């Protein structure tokens, strides 16, 4: 693989990890809003589930991706 291709791959992986964190934050915030009753279409139970899934996404998905894409020794 050329150095330019490696750099592009690293940049794309960085963006995927950052977007997974951002998606987790967005899901958590939407869940908090739904739990507070500001989204009448969603019940608070769905809001709690969204918060839990968003927190798990923020915490575990970036680590799993980084571990999967780790450079071999």
C-alpha atoms as a PDB file:
ATOM      1  CA  UNK A   1       0.000   0.000   0.000  1.00  0.00           C
ATOM      2  CA  UNK A   2       1.329   3.435  -0.868  1.00  0.00           C
ATOM      3  CA  UNK A   3       1.898   6.079   1.825  1.00  0.00           C
ATOM      4  CA  UNK A   4      -0.926   8.169   0.370  1.00  0.00           C
ATOM      5  CA  UNK A   5      -3.325   5.219   0.554  1.00  0.00           C
ATOM      6  CA  UNK A   6      -2.299   4.502   4.161  1.00  0.00           C
ATOM      7  CA  UNK A   7      -2.871   8.137   5.076  1.00  0.00           C
ATOM      8  CA  UNK A   8      -6.287   8.152   3.408  1.00  0.00           C
ATOM      9  CA  UNK A   9      -7.225   4.933   5.184  1.00  0.00           C
ATOM     10  CA  UNK A  10      -6.141   6.340   8.559  1.00  0.00           C
ATOM     11  CA  UNK A  11      -8.095   9.547   7.932  1.00  0.00           C
ATOM     12  CA  UNK A  12     -11.229   7.616   6.974  1.00  0.00           C
ATOM     13  CA  UNK A  13     -10.946   5.395  10.031  1.00  0.00           C
ATOM     14  CA  UNK A  14     -10.519   8.453  12.246  1.00  0.00           C
ATOM     15  CA  UNK A  15     -13.706   9.949  10.789  1.00  0.00           C
ATOM     16  CA  UNK A  16     -15.647   6.711  11.312  1.00  0.00           C
ATOM     17  CA  UNK A  17     -14.565   6.581  14.958  1.00  0.00           C
ATOM     18  CA  UNK A  18     -15.442  10.267  15.449  1.00  0.00           C
ATOM     19  CA  UNK A  19     -18.846   9.802  13.785  1.00  0.00           C
ATOM     20  CA  UNK A  20     -19.610   6.804  15.975  1.00  0.00           C
ATOM     21  CA  UNK A  21     -18.936   8.939  19.053  1.00  0.00           C
ATOM     22  CA  UNK A  22     -21.020  11.788  17.650  1.00  0.00           C
ATOM     23  CA  UNK A  23     -23.868   9.414  16.813  1.00  0.00           C
ATOM     24  CA  UNK A  24     -23.798   8.084  20.370  1.00  0.00           C
ATOM     25  CA  UNK A  25     -23.966  11.617  21.741  1.00  0.00           C
ATOM     26  CA  UNK A  26     -26.881  12.464  19.450  1.00  0.00           C
ATOM     27  CA  UNK A  27     -28.774   9.341  20.431  1.00  0.00           C
ATOM     28  CA  UNK A  28     -28.167  10.024  24.115  1.00  0.00           C
ATOM     29  CA  UNK A  29     -29.399  13.612  23.826  1.00  0.00           C
ATOM     30  CA  UNK A  30     -32.473  12.524  21.868  1.00  0.00           C
ATOM     31  CA  UNK A  31     -33.174   9.918  24.553  1.00  0.00           C
ATOM     32  CA  UNK A  32     -32.900  12.527  27.301  1.00  0.00           C
ATOM     33  CA  UNK A  33     -35.287  14.801  25.415  1.00  0.00           C
ATOM     34  CA  UNK A  34     -37.729  11.913  24.924  1.00  0.00           C
ATOM     35  CA  UNK A  35     -37.461  10.970  28.602  1.00  0.00           C
ATOM     36  CA  UNK A  36     -38.256  14.544  29.608  1.00  0.00           C
ATOM     37  CA  UNK A  37     -41.483  14.354  27.605  1.00  0.00           C
ATOM     38  CA  UNK A  38     -40.508  16.875  24.943  1.00  0.00           C
ATOM     39  CA  UNK A  39     -41.080  14.361  22.138  1.00  0.00           C
ATOM     40  CA  UNK A  40     -44.727  13.311  22.478  1.00  0.00           C
ATOM     41  CA  UNK A  41     -44.376  10.631  19.785  1.00  0.00           C
ATOM     42  CA  UNK A  42     -41.991   8.616  22.001  1.00  0.00           C
ATOM     43  CA  UNK A  43     -42.703   7.178  25.404  1.00  0.00           C
ATOM     44  CA  UNK A  44     -40.230   7.709  28.247  1.00  0.00           C
ATOM     45  CA  UNK A  45     -39.386   3.999  28.175  1.00  0.00           C
ATOM     46  CA  UNK A  46     -38.127   4.368  24.608  1.00  0.00           C
ATOM     47  CA  UNK A  47     -36.176   7.429  25.771  1.00  0.00           C
ATOM     48  CA  UNK A  48     -34.425   5.433  28.482  1.00  0.00           C
ATOM     49  CA  UNK A  49     -33.535   2.739  25.945  1.00  0.00           C
ATOM     50  CA  UNK A  50     -32.157   5.401  23.595  1.00  0.00           C
ATOM     51  CA  UNK A  51     -29.996   6.799  26.399  1.00  0.00           C
ATOM     52  CA  UNK A  52     -28.585   3.367  27.215  1.00  0.00           C
ATOM     53  CA  UNK A  53     -27.886   2.494  23.592  1.00  0.00           C
ATOM     54  CA  UNK A  54     -26.332   5.926  22.979  1.00  0.00           C
ATOM     55  CA  UNK A  55     -24.035   5.606  25.986  1.00  0.00           C
ATOM     56  CA  UNK A  56     -22.999   2.112  24.943  1.00  0.00           C
ATOM     57  CA  UNK A  57     -22.337   3.377  21.418  1.00  0.00           C
ATOM     58  CA  UNK A  58     -20.179   6.224  22.727  1.00  0.00           C
ATOM     59  CA  UNK A  59     -18.175   3.988  25.027  1.00  0.00           C
ATOM     60  CA  UNK A  60     -17.750   0.655  23.267  1.00  0.00           C
ATOM     61  CA  UNK A  61     -17.985   1.130  19.503  1.00  0.00           C
ATOM     62  CA  UNK A  62     -14.934   3.428  19.119  1.00  0.00           C
ATOM     63  CA  UNK A  63     -12.818   1.087  21.253  1.00  0.00           C
ATOM     64  CA  UNK A  64     -13.946  -1.951  19.280  1.00  0.00           C
ATOM     65  CA  UNK A  65     -13.164  -0.231  15.982  1.00  0.00           C
ATOM     66  CA  UNK A  66      -9.739   0.910  17.191  1.00  0.00           C
ATOM     67  CA  UNK A  67      -8.953  -2.604  18.412  1.00  0.00           C
ATOM     68  CA  UNK A  68     -10.071  -4.104  15.114  1.00  0.00           C
ATOM     69  CA  UNK A  69      -8.018  -1.642  13.069  1.00  0.00           C
ATOM     70  CA  UNK A  70      -4.915  -1.801  15.249  1.00  0.00           C
ATOM     71  CA  UNK A  71      -1.670  -2.106  13.298  1.00  0.00           C
ATOM     72  CA  UNK A  72      -0.296  -5.636  13.614  1.00  0.00           C
ATOM     73  CA  UNK A  73       3.032  -6.016  15.378  1.00  0.00           C
END
